[in-house]
Amino acid sequence: MNRTTEYSTIWKVSFPIFLSLLAQNLIIVVDTAFLGRLGEVELGAGAIGGLLYVCLFILGFGLGTGSQIIVGRRNGEKRFIEIGKVVDHTLLLLVVFAITLFLLMKSFSGHLLHGLISSHNIREAAGTFLDVRVWGLLFAFINITFRAFYIGVAKTTYLIYSAAIMAIVNIGMDYLLIFGNWGFPRMGIAGAALASVMAEASSVLFFVFITLTRAGLKKYGLFRFIRPQAAIMITLFRVSFYMMLQFFISVFSWFLFFVIIERTGERPLAVSNIIRSMYMIFTIPIWALGATTNTLVSNTLGAGRTGNVLPLVFRLSAISLVSMLAVVALVGIFDKSMVSFYSNDPLLILESVNTLRVVLGVFVLFSVAIIGFNAVSGTANTNISLGIEVVSILFYLLAAWLLAIYFKFPVHIVWVAEYVYVIILGVLSFVYLWKGNWMKKKI
């Protein structure tokens, strides 16, 4: 693979992922903006309830990412019919998993929130949100299966259309259900949750239609649903288990970060939800390049070109850094206008702008760290990536607790803990890629 081909391949795989993530994260932005118009309690509760839902979602996403790595490896090996078997087993596992998590949340979410959240108002609103939101788990996990397949075989264009459909449905239903426009019931925070469930269901319908009607996908042997094979299940769990733990620990740590913030008051929690929304939207380019890194590293190893992995990672790191510097420059110029989209409260806007300025440097460091980290995952050494994640998170949560609870710093200083996480994550990832014995990993 020559240099020109590498750049064109990076663009071909990453750009559709970027557009799909953009559409998906517009949902978060619009949800946060609508909830900001309801009040600070709803804004904070949306953060707590939304992050707890993501903790569940990310378990399925970890299994899907493991499946994506295996699909990418089989694609590089040109063992196309094996891809369908992997996807079918992934779908079966994720459907069973979604139903199990749904039942657990219906039984125990109230007790969990009562034990973690000090504010009665936020606890009640978050419970209302979650009671509706968990109905989307089944649709979300089916979408994860399709995403794993299309990214693994580097056919990422369909992700754009799926995400666009989700965004349109979610934003439209937010407008109708949160405020009760056009004769619809005024559901408040529950309306935001229901809109997201409907958006996920619409994406499933799109993926099913496309996958069943595109003749070019038949070579992969999808949806034949043969008798479950223990060997495929074991491989899926062996690759995915550490990623499931890794992703869950990562998101749960952010949930705990918000729990720590909630202990300092409703206003800091509202500020942090605005920053979370902006964090997700502004880091889309590097998340897209991170997913691309995962796929291209896996495909490159599957094709036996181990010597191309490190040059590929460094090239992706450079692209990610340049793209994020451009984003940071833009945000630095228009930060107040961007924050004003979420709220018309002058004090909330001021505190959010101060916090946003603190995390701009995190974006730059994260742009390189996430490439190295996804490269480690792409080698299928997911136990190593789990270890890197755990070490980074332990120091992250310790820093957050010290800043917020022990020293009682304002919210914009508490967000300095993000630097601790990103620096440790990046350093450990690149040290492993440089020194680790990852080339001999077989899956």
Protein backbone atom coordinates (compact mmCIF):
# COMPACT_ATOMS: atom_id res chain seq x y z
CA MET A 1 0.00 0.00 0.00
CA ASN A 2 1.67 3.23 -1.11
CA ARG A 3 1.39 6.59 0.57
CA THR A 4 -1.26 7.94 -1.83
CA THR A 5 -3.41 4.87 -1.36
CA GLU A 6 -3.08 5.11 2.40
CA TYR A 7 -4.31 8.70 2.50
CA SER A 8 -7.18 7.92 0.14
CA THR A 9 -8.12 4.87 2.22
CA ILE A 10 -8.04 6.91 5.43
CA TRP A 11 -10.34 9.49 3.85
CA LYS A 12 -12.66 6.87 2.35
CA VAL A 13 -13.18 5.11 5.68
CA SER A 14 -13.06 8.05 8.11
CA PHE A 15 -15.16 10.67 6.30
CA PRO A 16 -18.43 8.67 6.35
CA ILE A 17 -17.80 7.81 10.00
CA PHE A 18 -17.24 11.51 10.69
CA LEU A 19 -20.54 12.45 9.04
CA SER A 20 -22.41 9.70 10.86
CA LEU A 21 -20.97 10.78 14.21
CA LEU A 22 -21.82 14.39 13.39
CA ALA A 23 -25.45 13.48 12.81
CA GLN A 24 -25.58 11.30 15.92
CA ASN A 25 -24.04 13.94 18.15
CA LEU A 26 -26.35 16.63 16.83
CA ILE A 27 -28.96 14.65 18.75
CA ILE A 28 -27.03 15.25 21.99
CA VAL A 29 -26.62 18.94 21.18
CA VAL A 30 -30.29 19.48 20.41
CA ASP A 31 -31.45 17.42 23.39
CA THR A 32 -29.22 19.47 25.70
CA ALA A 33 -30.41 22.75 24.17
CA PHE A 34 -34.08 21.78 24.58
CA LEU A 35 -33.54 20.63 28.17
CA GLY A 36 -31.66 23.86 28.88
CA ARG A 37 -34.85 25.73 28.01
CA LEU A 38 -36.78 23.64 30.54
CA GLY A 39 -34.44 24.50 33.42
CA GLU A 40 -31.23 23.65 35.25
CA VAL A 41 -32.77 20.61 36.99
CA GLU A 42 -33.77 19.04 33.68
CA LEU A 43 -30.40 19.91 32.19
CA GLY A 44 -28.56 18.22 35.04
CA ALA A 45 -30.93 15.24 35.14
CA GLY A 46 -30.47 14.74 31.42
CA ALA A 47 -26.74 14.42 32.02
CA ILE A 48 -27.12 11.87 34.83
CA GLY A 49 -29.84 9.83 33.13
CA GLY A 50 -28.18 10.04 29.74
CA LEU A 51 -24.79 8.92 31.04
CA LEU A 52 -26.29 6.01 32.97
CA TYR A 53 -28.02 4.89 29.77
CA VAL A 54 -24.74 5.21 27.88
CA CYS A 55 -23.10 3.00 30.52
CA LEU A 56 -25.50 0.25 29.43
CA PHE A 57 -25.19 1.06 25.75
CA ILE A 58 -21.41 0.96 25.89
CA LEU A 59 -21.41 -2.66 27.07
CA GLY A 60 -23.08 -3.61 23.81
CA PHE A 61 -20.81 -1.23 21.94
CA GLY A 62 -17.79 -3.05 23.37
CA LEU A 63 -19.09 -6.36 22.03
CA GLY A 64 -19.79 -4.67 18.71
CA THR A 65 -16.28 -3.23 18.54
CA GLY A 66 -14.82 -6.67 19.21
CA SER A 67 -16.99 -7.99 16.38
CA GLN A 68 -15.78 -5.11 14.18
CA ILE A 69 -12.15 -6.09 14.81
CA ILE A 70 -12.84 -9.71 13.86
CA VAL A 71 -14.81 -8.66 10.76
CA GLY A 72 -11.93 -6.36 9.78
CA ARG A 73 -9.42 -9.19 10.21
CA ARG A 74 -11.55 -11.62 8.15
CA ASN A 75 -12.03 -8.94 5.52
CA GLY A 76 -8.27 -8.45 5.28
CA GLU A 77 -7.88 -12.22 4.98
CA LYS A 78 -10.62 -12.26 2.27
CA ARG A 79 -12.59 -14.90 4.20
CA PHE A 80 -15.85 -13.16 3.37
CA ILE A 81 -18.32 -15.94 4.16
CA GLU A 82 -16.96 -16.08 7.72
CA ILE A 83 -17.99 -12.45 8.19
CA GLY A 84 -21.68 -13.34 7.99
CA LYS A 85 -21.27 -15.94 10.73
CA VAL A 86 -19.59 -13.41 13.01
CA VAL A 87 -22.33 -10.81 12.39
CA ASP A 88 -25.15 -13.31 12.99
CA HIS A 89 -23.64 -14.42 16.29
CA THR A 90 -23.08 -10.79 17.30
CA LEU A 91 -26.73 -9.97 16.63
CA LEU A 92 -27.94 -12.96 18.68
CA LEU A 93 -25.74 -12.09 21.64
CA LEU A 94 -26.66 -8.40 21.59
CA VAL A 95 -30.42 -9.03 21.43
CA VAL A 96 -30.24 -11.33 24.47
CA PHE A 97 -27.97 -8.82 26.23
CA ALA A 98 -30.34 -5.90 25.54
CA ILE A 99 -33.35 -7.73 26.97
CA THR A 100 -31.37 -8.68 30.09
CA LEU A 101 -30.18 -5.12 30.73
CA PHE A 102 -33.69 -3.75 30.13
CA LEU A 103 -35.16 -6.04 32.80
CA LEU A 104 -32.38 -5.19 35.27
CA MET A 105 -32.86 -1.45 34.81
CA LYS A 106 -36.62 -1.67 35.20
CA SER A 107 -36.04 -3.45 38.51
CA PHE A 108 -33.12 -1.57 40.05
CA SER A 109 -32.54 1.87 38.42
CA GLY A 110 -34.54 3.68 41.10
CA HIS A 111 -32.45 2.19 43.89
CA LEU A 112 -29.24 3.04 42.04
CA LEU A 113 -30.18 6.69 41.55
CA HIS A 114 -31.32 7.01 45.17
CA GLY A 115 -27.94 5.80 46.37
CA LEU A 116 -25.87 8.08 44.13
CA ILE A 117 -27.76 11.36 43.65
CA SER A 118 -28.16 13.80 46.54
CA SER A 119 -30.64 16.23 44.93
CA HIS A 120 -34.24 14.98 45.12
CA ASN A 121 -35.29 17.05 42.08
CA ILE A 122 -32.48 15.74 39.88
CA ARG A 123 -33.00 12.18 41.11
CA GLU A 124 -36.71 12.24 40.23
CA ALA A 125 -36.19 13.82 36.82
CA ALA A 126 -33.36 11.41 35.95
CA GLY A 127 -35.59 8.48 36.93
CA THR A 128 -38.36 9.76 34.66
CA PHE A 129 -35.90 10.03 31.80
CA LEU A 130 -34.44 6.54 32.32
CA ASP A 131 -37.82 4.84 32.67
CA VAL A 132 -38.53 5.73 29.04
CA ARG A 133 -35.00 5.71 27.65
CA VAL A 134 -34.21 2.06 28.43
CA TRP A 135 -36.83 0.95 25.89
CA GLY A 136 -34.31 1.96 23.24
CA LEU A 137 -31.68 -0.59 24.28
CA LEU A 138 -32.90 -3.30 21.89
CA PHE A 139 -32.88 -0.95 18.90
CA ALA A 140 -29.52 0.50 19.91
CA PHE A 141 -27.88 -2.94 20.18
CA ILE A 142 -29.20 -4.00 16.78
CA ASN A 143 -27.73 -0.80 15.34
CA ILE A 144 -24.39 -1.69 16.96
CA THR A 145 -24.38 -4.98 15.03
CA PHE A 146 -24.87 -3.23 11.70
CA ARG A 147 -22.27 -0.59 12.57
CA ALA A 148 -19.70 -3.28 13.39
CA PHE A 149 -20.29 -4.96 10.06
CA TYR A 150 -20.16 -1.87 7.86
CA ILE A 151 -17.08 -0.39 9.53
CA GLY A 152 -15.35 -3.77 9.60
CA VAL A 153 -15.72 -4.23 5.83
CA ALA A 154 -14.91 -0.53 5.25
CA LYS A 155 -18.33 0.22 3.70
CA THR A 156 -19.05 3.16 5.95
CA THR A 157 -21.21 5.28 3.62
CA TYR A 158 -24.41 3.72 4.94
CA LEU A 159 -23.57 5.02 8.40
CA ILE A 160 -24.15 8.55 7.11
CA TYR A 161 -27.70 7.84 5.98
CA SER A 162 -28.53 5.95 9.17
CA ALA A 163 -27.25 8.75 11.39
CA ALA A 164 -29.03 11.40 9.32
CA ILE A 165 -32.32 9.54 9.71
CA MET A 166 -31.76 9.28 13.45
CA ALA A 167 -30.97 12.97 13.75
CA ILE A 168 -34.01 14.08 11.76
CA VAL A 169 -36.40 11.83 13.67
CA ASN A 170 -34.93 12.72 17.07
CA ILE A 171 -34.86 16.47 16.54
CA GLY A 172 -38.39 16.48 15.10
CA MET A 173 -39.83 14.40 17.93
CA ASP A 174 -37.94 16.48 20.52
CA TYR A 175 -39.69 19.57 19.19
CA LEU A 176 -43.08 17.87 19.28
CA LEU A 177 -42.86 15.92 22.55
CA ILE A 178 -40.76 18.02 24.94
CA PHE A 179 -42.84 21.18 24.58
CA GLY A 180 -46.10 19.67 23.27
CA ASN A 181 -46.09 21.43 19.92
CA TRP A 182 -48.65 20.75 17.13
CA GLY A 183 -51.11 19.11 19.50
CA PHE A 184 -48.69 16.52 20.88
CA PRO A 185 -48.58 15.94 24.67
CA ARG A 186 -46.11 18.09 26.63
CA MET A 187 -43.85 15.38 28.09
CA GLY A 188 -40.83 17.43 29.19
CA ILE A 189 -37.74 15.34 29.91
CA ALA A 190 -39.64 12.10 29.19
CA GLY A 191 -40.32 13.45 25.69
CA ALA A 192 -36.58 13.77 25.06
CA ALA A 193 -36.13 10.13 26.06
CA LEU A 194 -39.00 8.92 23.85
CA ALA A 195 -37.69 10.90 20.89
CA SER A 196 -34.33 9.12 21.18
CA VAL A 197 -36.02 5.69 21.31
CA MET A 198 -37.99 6.47 18.15
CA ALA A 199 -34.82 7.68 16.41
CA GLU A 200 -33.00 4.41 17.20
CA ALA A 201 -35.94 2.38 15.89
CA SER A 202 -35.93 4.32 12.62
CA SER A 203 -32.23 3.56 12.15
CA VAL A 204 -32.87 -0.17 12.59
CA LEU A 205 -35.51 -0.09 9.86
CA PHE A 206 -33.06 1.63 7.50
CA PHE A 207 -30.23 -0.85 8.15
CA VAL A 208 -32.51 -3.86 7.68
CA PHE A 209 -33.82 -2.50 4.37
CA ILE A 210 -30.37 -1.67 2.99
CA THR A 211 -28.75 -4.91 4.08
CA LEU A 212 -31.48 -7.10 2.60
CA THR A 213 -31.73 -5.26 -0.71
CA ARG A 214 -28.08 -4.57 -1.69
CA ALA A 215 -26.84 -7.39 -3.92
CA GLY A 216 -23.19 -6.52 -3.24
CA LEU A 217 -23.59 -7.62 0.38
CA LYS A 218 -24.63 -11.18 -0.43
CA LYS A 219 -21.04 -12.44 -0.57
CA TYR A 220 -20.79 -12.00 3.19
CA GLY A 221 -23.50 -14.58 3.95
CA LEU A 222 -25.43 -12.36 6.34
CA PHE A 223 -28.50 -13.42 8.30
CA ARG A 224 -28.42 -17.14 7.58
CA PHE A 225 -28.77 -17.80 11.31
CA ILE A 226 -27.18 -21.21 11.38
CA ARG A 227 -26.99 -23.11 14.64
CA PRO A 228 -24.83 -21.12 17.10
CA GLN A 229 -21.20 -22.24 17.02
CA ALA A 230 -19.22 -22.33 20.26
CA ALA A 231 -15.94 -21.46 18.51
CA ILE A 232 -17.35 -18.19 17.12
CA MET A 233 -18.92 -17.30 20.47
CA ILE A 234 -15.65 -17.93 22.28
CA THR A 235 -13.68 -15.80 19.78
CA LEU A 236 -16.19 -12.98 20.08
CA PHE A 237 -16.02 -12.99 23.86
CA ARG A 238 -12.25 -13.39 23.91
CA VAL A 239 -11.77 -10.27 21.77
CA SER A 240 -14.75 -8.31 23.12
CA PHE A 241 -14.70 -9.02 26.85
CA TYR A 242 -11.86 -6.67 27.67
CA MET A 243 -13.31 -4.01 25.36
CA MET A 244 -16.71 -4.29 27.03
CA LEU A 245 -15.07 -3.80 30.40
CA GLN A 246 -12.85 -1.06 29.03
CA PHE A 247 -15.69 0.93 27.46
CA PHE A 248 -17.97 0.44 30.47
CA ILE A 249 -15.28 1.55 32.89
CA SER A 250 -14.53 4.55 30.67
CA VAL A 251 -18.13 5.77 30.46
CA PHE A 252 -18.95 4.83 34.06
CA SER A 253 -15.99 6.92 35.16
CA TRP A 254 -17.55 9.90 33.36
CA PHE A 255 -20.84 9.09 35.08
CA LEU A 256 -19.00 9.07 38.42
CA PHE A 257 -17.35 12.36 37.44
CA PHE A 258 -20.82 13.86 37.02
CA VAL A 259 -21.93 12.34 40.32
CA ILE A 260 -18.96 14.12 41.93
CA ILE A 261 -19.98 17.36 40.19
CA GLU A 262 -23.60 16.91 41.36
CA ARG A 263 -22.37 16.91 44.96
CA THR A 264 -21.20 20.49 44.44
CA GLY A 265 -24.60 21.79 43.27
CA GLU A 266 -27.19 21.90 40.49
CA ARG A 267 -25.53 24.79 38.64
CA PRO A 268 -22.12 23.06 38.21
CA LEU A 269 -23.96 19.95 36.97
CA ALA A 270 -25.87 22.02 34.41
CA VAL A 271 -22.60 23.63 33.27
CA SER A 272 -20.97 20.22 32.96
CA ASN A 273 -23.79 18.87 30.80
CA ILE A 274 -23.33 21.75 28.38
CA ILE A 275 -19.60 21.06 28.27
CA ARG A 276 -20.23 17.33 27.78
CA SER A 277 -22.42 18.10 24.78
CA MET A 278 -19.80 20.42 23.27
CA TYR A 279 -17.02 17.95 24.10
CA MET A 280 -18.78 15.24 22.09
CA ILE A 281 -19.53 17.42 19.07
CA PHE A 282 -16.08 19.04 18.83
CA THR A 283 -14.17 15.77 19.15
CA ILE A 284 -16.11 14.07 16.34
CA PRO A 285 -13.17 14.30 13.87
CA ILE A 286 -10.86 12.41 16.21
CA TRP A 287 -13.49 9.81 17.16
CA ALA A 288 -13.96 9.15 13.45
CA LEU A 289 -10.23 8.82 12.93
CA GLY A 290 -10.05 6.60 16.03
CA ALA A 291 -12.62 4.19 14.55
CA THR A 292 -10.72 4.33 11.26
CA THR A 293 -7.49 3.49 13.08
CA ASN A 294 -9.14 0.46 14.65
CA THR A 295 -10.38 -0.84 11.30
CA LEU A 296 -7.24 -0.09 9.24
CA VAL A 297 -4.88 -1.59 11.82
CA SER A 298 -7.00 -4.74 11.97
CA ASN A 299 -7.20 -5.00 8.16
CA THR A 300 -3.46 -4.33 7.80
CA LEU A 301 -2.58 -7.08 10.28
CA GLY A 302 -5.07 -9.43 8.61
CA ALA A 303 -3.27 -8.85 5.29
CA GLY A 304 0.08 -9.67 6.94
CA ARG A 305 1.58 -6.17 6.56
CA THR A 306 2.77 -5.66 10.15
CA GLY A 307 5.51 -3.27 9.07
CA ASN A 308 2.89 -0.79 7.84
CA VAL A 309 1.10 -0.45 11.17
CA LEU A 310 3.29 2.12 12.96
CA PRO A 311 3.68 4.42 9.90
CA LEU A 312 -0.11 4.25 9.51
CA VAL A 313 -0.65 5.18 13.16
CA PHE A 314 1.74 8.14 12.97
CA ARG A 315 0.07 9.36 9.78
CA LEU A 316 -3.36 9.15 11.39
CA SER A 317 -2.06 10.96 14.48
CA ALA A 318 -0.81 13.85 12.34
CA ILE A 319 -4.14 14.13 10.51
CA SER A 320 -6.04 14.03 13.80
CA LEU A 321 -3.85 16.70 15.40
CA VAL A 322 -4.17 19.11 12.48
CA SER A 323 -7.94 18.68 12.28
CA MET A 324 -8.35 19.31 16.01
CA LEU A 325 -6.15 22.42 15.98
CA ALA A 326 -8.52 23.87 13.38
CA VAL A 327 -11.54 23.02 15.54
CA VAL A 328 -9.95 24.55 18.67
CA ALA A 329 -9.16 27.77 16.81
CA LEU A 330 -12.77 28.05 15.66
CA VAL A 331 -14.20 27.34 19.11
CA GLY A 332 -11.84 29.81 20.74
CA ILE A 333 -13.19 32.59 18.53
CA PHE A 334 -16.90 31.84 18.89
CA ASP A 335 -17.05 30.20 22.34
CA LYS A 336 -19.66 32.52 23.89
CA SER A 337 -21.97 32.33 20.87
CA MET A 338 -21.74 28.54 20.89
CA VAL A 339 -22.53 28.25 24.58
CA SER A 340 -25.48 30.64 24.18
CA PHE A 341 -27.15 28.04 21.97
CA TYR A 342 -27.76 25.93 25.08
CA SER A 343 -29.12 28.54 27.46
CA ASN A 344 -30.16 32.18 27.79
CA ASP A 345 -29.09 32.40 31.45
CA PRO A 346 -26.14 34.89 31.60
CA LEU A 347 -24.50 33.32 34.66
CA LEU A 348 -24.81 29.79 33.26
CA ILE A 349 -23.32 30.98 29.98
CA LEU A 350 -20.39 32.69 31.75
CA GLU A 351 -19.49 29.64 33.83
CA SER A 352 -19.82 27.37 30.79
CA VAL A 353 -17.52 29.58 28.70
CA ASN A 354 -14.87 29.53 31.44
CA THR A 355 -15.05 25.74 31.60
CA LEU A 356 -14.95 25.37 27.81
CA ARG A 357 -11.75 27.42 27.65
CA VAL A 358 -10.15 25.06 30.17
CA VAL A 359 -10.91 21.93 28.12
CA LEU A 360 -9.75 23.27 24.74
CA GLY A 361 -6.23 22.01 25.47
CA VAL A 362 -7.68 18.58 26.26
CA PHE A 363 -9.07 18.40 22.71
CA VAL A 364 -5.57 18.86 21.26
CA LEU A 365 -3.96 16.18 23.45
CA PHE A 366 -6.87 13.81 22.96
CA SER A 367 -6.53 14.03 19.17
CA VAL A 368 -3.24 12.12 19.37
CA ALA A 369 -3.98 9.95 22.40
CA ILE A 370 -7.14 8.44 20.90
CA ILE A 371 -5.28 7.31 17.78
CA GLY A 372 -2.66 5.46 19.79
CA PHE A 373 -5.29 3.94 22.04
CA ASN A 374 -7.44 2.70 19.14
CA ALA A 375 -4.36 1.29 17.46
CA VAL A 376 -3.73 -0.84 20.55
CA SER A 377 -7.34 -2.09 20.36
CA GLY A 378 -7.00 -2.72 16.62
CA THR A 379 -4.16 -5.18 17.26
CA ALA A 380 -6.75 -7.26 19.21
CA ASN A 381 -4.66 -6.96 22.40
CA THR A 382 -7.77 -5.76 24.19
CA ASN A 383 -6.51 -6.83 27.61
CA ILE A 384 -3.70 -4.30 27.20
CA SER A 385 -6.08 -1.52 26.17
CA LEU A 386 -8.24 -2.36 29.20
CA GLY A 387 -5.22 -2.04 31.50
CA ILE A 388 -4.29 1.32 29.96
CA GLU A 389 -7.87 2.55 30.39
CA VAL A 390 -8.12 1.44 34.03
CA VAL A 391 -4.86 3.11 35.05
CA SER A 392 -5.85 6.36 33.30
CA ILE A 393 -9.30 6.40 34.89
CA LEU A 394 -8.10 5.75 38.43
CA PHE A 395 -5.89 8.83 38.31
CA TYR A 396 -8.67 10.79 36.57
CA LEU A 397 -11.28 10.11 39.25
CA LEU A 398 -8.79 10.75 42.03
CA ALA A 399 -7.95 14.13 40.49
CA ALA A 400 -11.66 14.98 40.06
CA TRP A 401 -12.48 14.08 43.68
CA LEU A 402 -9.56 16.08 45.03
CA LEU A 403 -10.42 19.16 42.97
CA ALA A 404 -14.20 19.09 43.57
CA ILE A 405 -14.71 17.61 47.03
CA TYR A 406 -11.45 18.01 48.93
CA PHE A 407 -10.26 21.40 47.65
CA LYS A 408 -13.77 22.60 46.64
CA PHE A 409 -12.58 24.35 43.48
CA PRO A 410 -15.14 25.84 41.03
CA VAL A 411 -16.40 23.67 38.20
CA HIS A 412 -14.02 24.96 35.52
CA ILE A 413 -11.02 23.93 37.65
CA VAL A 414 -12.54 20.48 38.31
CA TRP A 415 -12.50 19.84 34.55
CA VAL A 416 -8.68 20.03 34.66
CA ALA A 417 -8.92 16.35 35.67
CA GLU A 418 -9.47 15.62 31.96
CA TYR A 419 -5.83 16.49 31.30
CA VAL A 420 -4.73 13.79 33.74
CA TYR A 421 -6.76 11.16 31.90
CA VAL A 422 -5.72 12.10 28.37
CA ILE A 423 -2.00 12.40 29.09
CA ILE A 424 -1.76 9.03 30.84
CA LEU A 425 -3.89 7.34 28.15
CA GLY A 426 -1.74 8.66 25.31
CA VAL A 427 1.63 7.99 26.89
CA LEU A 428 0.82 4.40 27.85
CA SER A 429 -0.70 3.63 24.43
CA PHE A 430 2.26 4.83 22.39
CA VAL A 431 4.78 3.22 24.74
CA TYR A 432 3.04 -0.12 24.19
CA LEU A 433 2.92 0.33 20.40
CA TRP A 434 6.64 1.15 20.40
CA LYS A 435 7.80 -1.51 22.86
CA GLY A 436 5.01 -4.11 23.11
CA ASN A 437 4.87 -7.55 21.52
CA TRP A 438 1.63 -6.99 19.60
CA MET A 439 2.58 -8.25 16.11
CA LYS A 440 2.07 -11.94 16.92
CA LYS A 441 -1.54 -11.67 18.15
CA LYS A 442 -3.82 -14.15 16.31
CA ILE A 443 -7.62 -14.15 16.29
